[in-house]
Amino acid sequence: MAAERGQERERDRERPMARIRLDLPRERRARLLPEYDPEAFGRTSERIARFLGTGRFLVWMTLTVVVWIGWNIFAPASLRFDEYPFIFLTLALSLQASYAAPLILLAQNRQDDRDRVNLEQDRKQNERSIADTEYLTREVAALRMGLGEVATRDWIRSELQDLIKELEERRDLFPSGEGHGSDVPDR
């Protein structure tokens, strides 16, 4: 057993980097496809998609097709490059459409991603607003309950008026006079 382990260690030493080391970054592999910045590509596709959706594009495309057809109908036969069925024009328009559709879809996907992020931020903001509103509602309710136990100006005024009436009633029942019910000499 120990001999087998020793042989394995020996084989590992003979093969440099045969085992994957997790403490070292991997070496970059050669890529078959070219590398590109997805953000730059996305921004470019959005610009193209925005241009394809304008009237300016439609005018230029119409002018190009009209000039193409006019040239290939009215120009001398030696200068025509696309005869009547206009196969080359059809190919060019198909090629343009085959590139335009994925670029437009890419731009829409990017817009959907932005909308999703904005919607999530709006949802979180609404949750915070609802929580703040509920907190403030509880605070206002607590203040109202606390104010219900505090003496207000109207309550104090009514209590003072009741005391004044009570004092007037006592004065009427026990009129003040000299010698009548005075306890000053008794002291």
C-alpha atoms as a PDB file:
ATOM      1  CA  MET A   1       0.000   0.000   0.000  1.00  0.00           C
ATOM      2  CA  ALA A   2       2.721   2.449   0.980  1.00  0.00           C
ATOM      3  CA  ALA A   3       4.666   1.489  -2.146  1.00  0.00           C
ATOM      4  CA  GLU A   4       1.657   2.311  -4.328  1.00  0.00           C
ATOM      5  CA  ARG A   5       1.278   5.726  -2.696  1.00  0.00           C
ATOM      6  CA  GLY A   6       4.940   6.430  -3.269  1.00  0.00           C
ATOM      7  CA  GLN A   7       4.577   5.516  -6.950  1.00  0.00           C
ATOM      8  CA  GLU A   8       1.563   7.827  -7.263  1.00  0.00           C
ATOM      9  CA  ARG A   9       3.545  10.689  -5.738  1.00  0.00           C
ATOM     10  CA  GLU A  10       6.380  10.007  -8.112  1.00  0.00           C
ATOM     11  CA  ARG A  11       4.011  10.083 -11.110  1.00  0.00           C
ATOM     12  CA  ASP A  12       2.512  13.365  -9.847  1.00  0.00           C
ATOM     13  CA  ARG A  13       5.973  14.923  -9.693  1.00  0.00           C
ATOM     14  CA  GLU A  14       6.758  13.778 -13.221  1.00  0.00           C
ATOM     15  CA  ARG A  15       3.568  15.349 -14.625  1.00  0.00           C
ATOM     16  CA  PRO A  16       3.807  19.073 -14.001  1.00  0.00           C
ATOM     17  CA  MET A  17       0.413  20.625 -13.247  1.00  0.00           C
ATOM     18  CA  ALA A  18      -1.336  17.322 -13.917  1.00  0.00           C
ATOM     19  CA  ARG A  19      -3.509  17.865 -10.869  1.00  0.00           C
ATOM     20  CA  ILE A  20      -5.724  20.920 -10.614  1.00  0.00           C
ATOM     21  CA  ARG A  21      -4.538  23.333  -7.979  1.00  0.00           C
ATOM     22  CA  LEU A  22      -7.334  25.269  -6.405  1.00  0.00           C
ATOM     23  CA  ASP A  23      -5.065  27.872  -4.862  1.00  0.00           C
ATOM     24  CA  LEU A  24      -3.906  29.164  -8.270  1.00  0.00           C
ATOM     25  CA  PRO A  25      -5.990  30.914 -10.922  1.00  0.00           C
ATOM     26  CA  ARG A  26      -6.571  28.953 -14.082  1.00  0.00           C
ATOM     27  CA  GLU A  27      -4.604  29.842 -17.133  1.00  0.00           C
ATOM     28  CA  ARG A  28      -6.562  31.567 -19.861  1.00  0.00           C
ATOM     29  CA  ARG A  29      -7.492  29.245 -22.655  1.00  0.00           C
ATOM     30  CA  ALA A  30      -7.360  30.230 -26.274  1.00  0.00           C
ATOM     31  CA  ARG A  31     -10.847  31.092 -27.480  1.00  0.00           C
ATOM     32  CA  LEU A  32     -12.107  30.121 -30.868  1.00  0.00           C
ATOM     33  CA  LEU A  33     -14.639  32.933 -31.015  1.00  0.00           C
ATOM     34  CA  PRO A  34     -13.593  36.580 -30.916  1.00  0.00           C
ATOM     35  CA  GLU A  35     -14.126  38.421 -27.642  1.00  0.00           C
ATOM     36  CA  TYR A  36     -16.381  41.456 -27.514  1.00  0.00           C
ATOM     37  CA  ASP A  37     -17.900  43.771 -24.962  1.00  0.00           C
ATOM     38  CA  PRO A  38     -21.566  42.767 -24.601  1.00  0.00           C
ATOM     39  CA  GLU A  39     -22.528  46.214 -23.278  1.00  0.00           C
ATOM     40  CA  ALA A  40     -20.976  48.009 -26.254  1.00  0.00           C
ATOM     41  CA  PHE A  41     -22.614  45.543 -28.627  1.00  0.00           C
ATOM     42  CA  GLY A  42     -25.961  46.034 -26.875  1.00  0.00           C
ATOM     43  CA  ARG A  43     -25.711  49.828 -27.029  1.00  0.00           C
ATOM     44  CA  THR A  44     -24.858  49.635 -30.732  1.00  0.00           C
ATOM     45  CA  SER A  45     -27.782  47.308 -31.394  1.00  0.00           C
ATOM     46  CA  GLU A  46     -30.109  49.703 -29.557  1.00  0.00           C
ATOM     47  CA  ARG A  47     -28.881  52.602 -31.698  1.00  0.00           C
ATOM     48  CA  ILE A  48     -29.450  50.563 -34.862  1.00  0.00           C
ATOM     49  CA  ALA A  49     -32.897  49.441 -33.678  1.00  0.00           C
ATOM     50  CA  ARG A  50     -33.818  53.049 -32.870  1.00  0.00           C
ATOM     51  CA  PHE A  51     -32.696  54.123 -36.347  1.00  0.00           C
ATOM     52  CA  LEU A  52     -34.625  51.270 -38.008  1.00  0.00           C
ATOM     53  CA  GLY A  53     -37.786  52.519 -36.327  1.00  0.00           C
ATOM     54  CA  THR A  54     -37.580  56.051 -37.736  1.00  0.00           C
ATOM     55  CA  GLY A  55     -39.140  57.679 -40.740  1.00  0.00           C
ATOM     56  CA  ARG A  56     -35.658  58.657 -41.921  1.00  0.00           C
ATOM     57  CA  PHE A  57     -34.754  54.984 -42.345  1.00  0.00           C
ATOM     58  CA  LEU A  58     -37.953  54.339 -44.300  1.00  0.00           C
ATOM     59  CA  VAL A  59     -37.253  57.303 -46.598  1.00  0.00           C
ATOM     60  CA  TRP A  60     -33.635  56.216 -47.224  1.00  0.00           C
ATOM     61  CA  MET A  61     -34.672  52.590 -47.748  1.00  0.00           C
ATOM     62  CA  THR A  62     -37.402  53.632 -50.195  1.00  0.00           C
ATOM     63  CA  LEU A  63     -35.007  55.911 -52.093  1.00  0.00           C
ATOM     64  CA  THR A  64     -32.418  53.124 -52.267  1.00  0.00           C
ATOM     65  CA  VAL A  65     -34.924  50.614 -53.635  1.00  0.00           C
ATOM     66  CA  VAL A  66     -36.358  53.121 -56.145  1.00  0.00           C
ATOM     67  CA  VAL A  67     -32.881  54.104 -57.385  1.00  0.00           C
ATOM     68  CA  TRP A  68     -31.852  50.429 -57.549  1.00  0.00           C
ATOM     69  CA  ILE A  69     -34.917  49.438 -59.579  1.00  0.00           C
ATOM     70  CA  GLY A  70     -34.735  52.574 -61.742  1.00  0.00           C
ATOM     71  CA  TRP A  71     -31.051  52.040 -62.487  1.00  0.00           C
ATOM     72  CA  ASN A  72     -31.552  48.394 -63.413  1.00  0.00           C
ATOM     73  CA  ILE A  73     -34.521  49.189 -65.695  1.00  0.00           C
ATOM     74  CA  PHE A  74     -33.487  52.421 -67.413  1.00  0.00           C
ATOM     75  CA  ALA A  75     -29.683  52.246 -67.463  1.00  0.00           C
ATOM     76  CA  PRO A  76     -27.874  50.916 -70.528  1.00  0.00           C
ATOM     77  CA  ALA A  77     -27.717  47.120 -70.572  1.00  0.00           C
ATOM     78  CA  SER A  78     -23.949  47.113 -70.025  1.00  0.00           C
ATOM     79  CA  LEU A  79     -24.290  49.125 -66.759  1.00  0.00           C
ATOM     80  CA  ARG A  80     -27.143  47.079 -65.238  1.00  0.00           C
ATOM     81  CA  PHE A  81     -25.971  44.868 -62.411  1.00  0.00           C
ATOM     82  CA  ASP A  82     -29.307  43.286 -61.379  1.00  0.00           C
ATOM     83  CA  GLU A  83     -31.710  42.256 -64.165  1.00  0.00           C
ATOM     84  CA  TYR A  84     -35.500  42.232 -63.944  1.00  0.00           C
ATOM     85  CA  PRO A  85     -36.302  39.660 -61.278  1.00  0.00           C
ATOM     86  CA  PHE A  86     -33.996  41.785 -59.062  1.00  0.00           C
ATOM     87  CA  ILE A  87     -32.563  38.749 -57.307  1.00  0.00           C
ATOM     88  CA  PHE A  88     -29.629  40.717 -55.889  1.00  0.00           C
ATOM     89  CA  LEU A  89     -32.035  43.350 -54.475  1.00  0.00           C
ATOM     90  CA  THR A  90     -34.121  40.597 -52.902  1.00  0.00           C
ATOM     91  CA  LEU A  91     -30.961  39.086 -51.417  1.00  0.00           C
ATOM     92  CA  ALA A  92     -29.849  42.466 -50.045  1.00  0.00           C
ATOM     93  CA  LEU A  93     -33.251  43.160 -48.473  1.00  0.00           C
ATOM     94  CA  SER A  94     -33.386  39.649 -46.988  1.00  0.00           C
ATOM     95  CA  LEU A  95     -29.893  40.091 -45.576  1.00  0.00           C
ATOM     96  CA  GLN A  96     -30.853  43.451 -44.082  1.00  0.00           C
ATOM     97  CA  ALA A  97     -34.005  41.930 -42.530  1.00  0.00           C
ATOM     98  CA  SER A  98     -32.100  38.933 -41.181  1.00  0.00           C
ATOM     99  CA  TYR A  99     -29.738  41.269 -39.329  1.00  0.00           C
ATOM    100  CA  ALA A 100     -32.362  43.808 -38.312  1.00  0.00           C
ATOM    101  CA  ALA A 101     -34.678  41.325 -36.594  1.00  0.00           C
ATOM    102  CA  PRO A 102     -32.116  39.947 -34.085  1.00  0.00           C
ATOM    103  CA  LEU A 103     -30.782  43.443 -33.389  1.00  0.00           C
ATOM    104  CA  ILE A 104     -34.296  44.664 -32.645  1.00  0.00           C
ATOM    105  CA  LEU A 105     -34.925  41.641 -30.419  1.00  0.00           C
ATOM    106  CA  LEU A 106     -31.652  42.264 -28.587  1.00  0.00           C
ATOM    107  CA  ALA A 107     -32.615  45.897 -28.029  1.00  0.00           C
ATOM    108  CA  GLN A 108     -36.044  44.806 -26.750  1.00  0.00           C
ATOM    109  CA  ASN A 109     -34.453  42.298 -24.378  1.00  0.00           C
ATOM    110  CA  ARG A 110     -32.166  44.982 -22.984  1.00  0.00           C
ATOM    111  CA  GLN A 111     -35.161  47.293 -22.547  1.00  0.00           C
ATOM    112  CA  ASP A 112     -37.066  44.473 -20.816  1.00  0.00           C
ATOM    113  CA  ASP A 113     -34.128  43.990 -18.450  1.00  0.00           C
ATOM    114  CA  ARG A 114     -34.065  47.712 -17.652  1.00  0.00           C
ATOM    115  CA  ASP A 115     -37.831  47.702 -17.141  1.00  0.00           C
ATOM    116  CA  ARG A 116     -37.557  44.701 -14.839  1.00  0.00           C
ATOM    117  CA  VAL A 117     -34.908  46.435 -12.733  1.00  0.00           C
ATOM    118  CA  ASN A 118     -36.984  49.643 -12.607  1.00  0.00           C
ATOM    119  CA  LEU A 119     -40.076  47.663 -11.664  1.00  0.00           C
ATOM    120  CA  GLU A 120     -38.195  45.920  -8.866  1.00  0.00           C
ATOM    121  CA  GLN A 121     -36.894  49.259  -7.575  1.00  0.00           C
ATOM    122  CA  ASP A 122     -40.403  50.732  -7.742  1.00  0.00           C
ATOM    123  CA  ARG A 123     -41.794  47.723  -5.890  1.00  0.00           C
ATOM    124  CA  LYS A 124     -39.194  48.097  -3.122  1.00  0.00           C
ATOM    125  CA  GLN A 125     -39.876  51.840  -2.911  1.00  0.00           C
ATOM    126  CA  ASN A 126     -43.613  51.145  -2.634  1.00  0.00           C
ATOM    127  CA  GLU A 127     -42.981  48.623   0.135  1.00  0.00           C
ATOM    128  CA  ARG A 128     -40.904  51.199   2.013  1.00  0.00           C
ATOM    129  CA  SER A 129     -43.609  53.825   1.498  1.00  0.00           C
ATOM    130  CA  ILE A 130     -46.303  51.465   2.776  1.00  0.00           C
ATOM    131  CA  ALA A 131     -44.187  50.573   5.810  1.00  0.00           C
ATOM    132  CA  ASP A 132     -43.546  54.261   6.505  1.00  0.00           C
ATOM    133  CA  THR A 133     -47.246  55.062   6.132  1.00  0.00           C
ATOM    134  CA  GLU A 134     -48.227  52.255   8.507  1.00  0.00           C
ATOM    135  CA  TYR A 135     -45.645  53.450  11.029  1.00  0.00           C
ATOM    136  CA  LEU A 136     -46.888  57.013  10.826  1.00  0.00           C
ATOM    137  CA  THR A 137     -50.497  55.827  11.147  1.00  0.00           C
ATOM    138  CA  ARG A 138     -49.620  53.951  14.325  1.00  0.00           C
ATOM    139  CA  GLU A 139     -47.790  57.008  15.669  1.00  0.00           C
ATOM    140  CA  VAL A 140     -50.757  59.303  14.931  1.00  0.00           C
ATOM    141  CA  ALA A 141     -53.105  56.815  16.626  1.00  0.00           C
ATOM    142  CA  ALA A 142     -50.808  56.708  19.676  1.00  0.00           C
ATOM    143  CA  LEU A 143     -50.723  60.506  19.779  1.00  0.00           C
ATOM    144  CA  ARG A 144     -54.508  60.689  19.583  1.00  0.00           C
ATOM    145  CA  MET A 145     -54.824  58.192  22.411  1.00  0.00           C
ATOM    146  CA  GLY A 146     -52.277  60.161  24.413  1.00  0.00           C
ATOM    147  CA  LEU A 147     -54.052  63.434  23.719  1.00  0.00           C
ATOM    148  CA  GLY A 148     -57.318  61.890  24.838  1.00  0.00           C
ATOM    149  CA  GLU A 149     -55.832  61.734  28.350  1.00  0.00           C
ATOM    150  CA  VAL A 150     -54.402  65.274  28.260  1.00  0.00           C
ATOM    151  CA  ALA A 151     -56.440  68.183  29.523  1.00  0.00           C
ATOM    152  CA  THR A 152     -57.500  70.405  26.671  1.00  0.00           C
ATOM    153  CA  ARG A 153     -58.366  74.094  26.878  1.00  0.00           C
ATOM    154  CA  ASP A 154     -62.094  73.403  26.433  1.00  0.00           C
ATOM    155  CA  TRP A 155     -62.077  70.748  29.142  1.00  0.00           C
ATOM    156  CA  ILE A 156     -60.255  73.038  31.593  1.00  0.00           C
ATOM    157  CA  ARG A 157     -62.640  75.891  30.724  1.00  0.00           C
ATOM    158  CA  SER A 158     -65.676  73.671  31.379  1.00  0.00           C
ATOM    159  CA  GLU A 159     -64.180  72.440  34.670  1.00  0.00           C
ATOM    160  CA  LEU A 160     -63.510  76.026  35.788  1.00  0.00           C
ATOM    161  CA  GLN A 161     -67.050  77.027  34.867  1.00  0.00           C
ATOM    162  CA  ASP A 162     -68.383  74.101  36.897  1.00  0.00           C
ATOM    163  CA  LEU A 163     -66.247  75.184  39.872  1.00  0.00           C
ATOM    164  CA  ILE A 164     -67.447  78.760  39.557  1.00  0.00           C
ATOM    165  CA  LYS A 165     -71.077  77.581  39.507  1.00  0.00           C
ATOM    166  CA  GLU A 166     -70.436  75.390  42.526  1.00  0.00           C
ATOM    167  CA  LEU A 167     -68.832  78.297  44.408  1.00  0.00           C
ATOM    168  CA  GLU A 168     -71.739  80.561  43.501  1.00  0.00           C
ATOM    169  CA  GLU A 169     -74.184  77.925  44.728  1.00  0.00           C
ATOM    170  CA  ARG A 170     -72.276  77.644  48.028  1.00  0.00           C
ATOM    171  CA  ARG A 171     -72.202  81.422  48.367  1.00  0.00           C
ATOM    172  CA  ASP A 172     -75.943  81.486  47.847  1.00  0.00           C
ATOM    173  CA  LEU A 173     -76.435  78.749  50.455  1.00  0.00           C
ATOM    174  CA  PHE A 174     -73.998  80.279  52.945  1.00  0.00           C
ATOM    175  CA  PRO A 175     -74.005  84.048  52.545  1.00  0.00           C
ATOM    176  CA  SER A 176     -71.026  85.727  54.102  1.00  0.00           C
ATOM    177  CA  GLY A 177     -71.711  88.228  56.801  1.00  0.00           C
ATOM    178  CA  GLU A 178     -70.336  89.572  60.036  1.00  0.00           C
ATOM    179  CA  GLY A 179     -70.769  87.242  62.910  1.00  0.00           C
ATOM    180  CA  HIS A 180     -72.647  84.698  60.938  1.00  0.00           C
ATOM    181  CA  GLY A 181     -70.590  81.603  60.765  1.00  0.00           C
ATOM    182  CA  SER A 182     -67.238  83.323  61.028  1.00  0.00           C
ATOM    183  CA  ASP A 183     -64.691  81.333  62.901  1.00  0.00           C
ATOM    184  CA  VAL A 184     -62.058  84.052  63.283  1.00  0.00           C
ATOM    185  CA  PRO A 185     -62.697  84.771  66.988  1.00  0.00           C
ATOM    186  CA  ASP A 186     -62.690  81.077  67.799  1.00  0.00           C
ATOM    187  CA  ARG A 187     -59.140  80.605  66.958  1.00  0.00           C
END
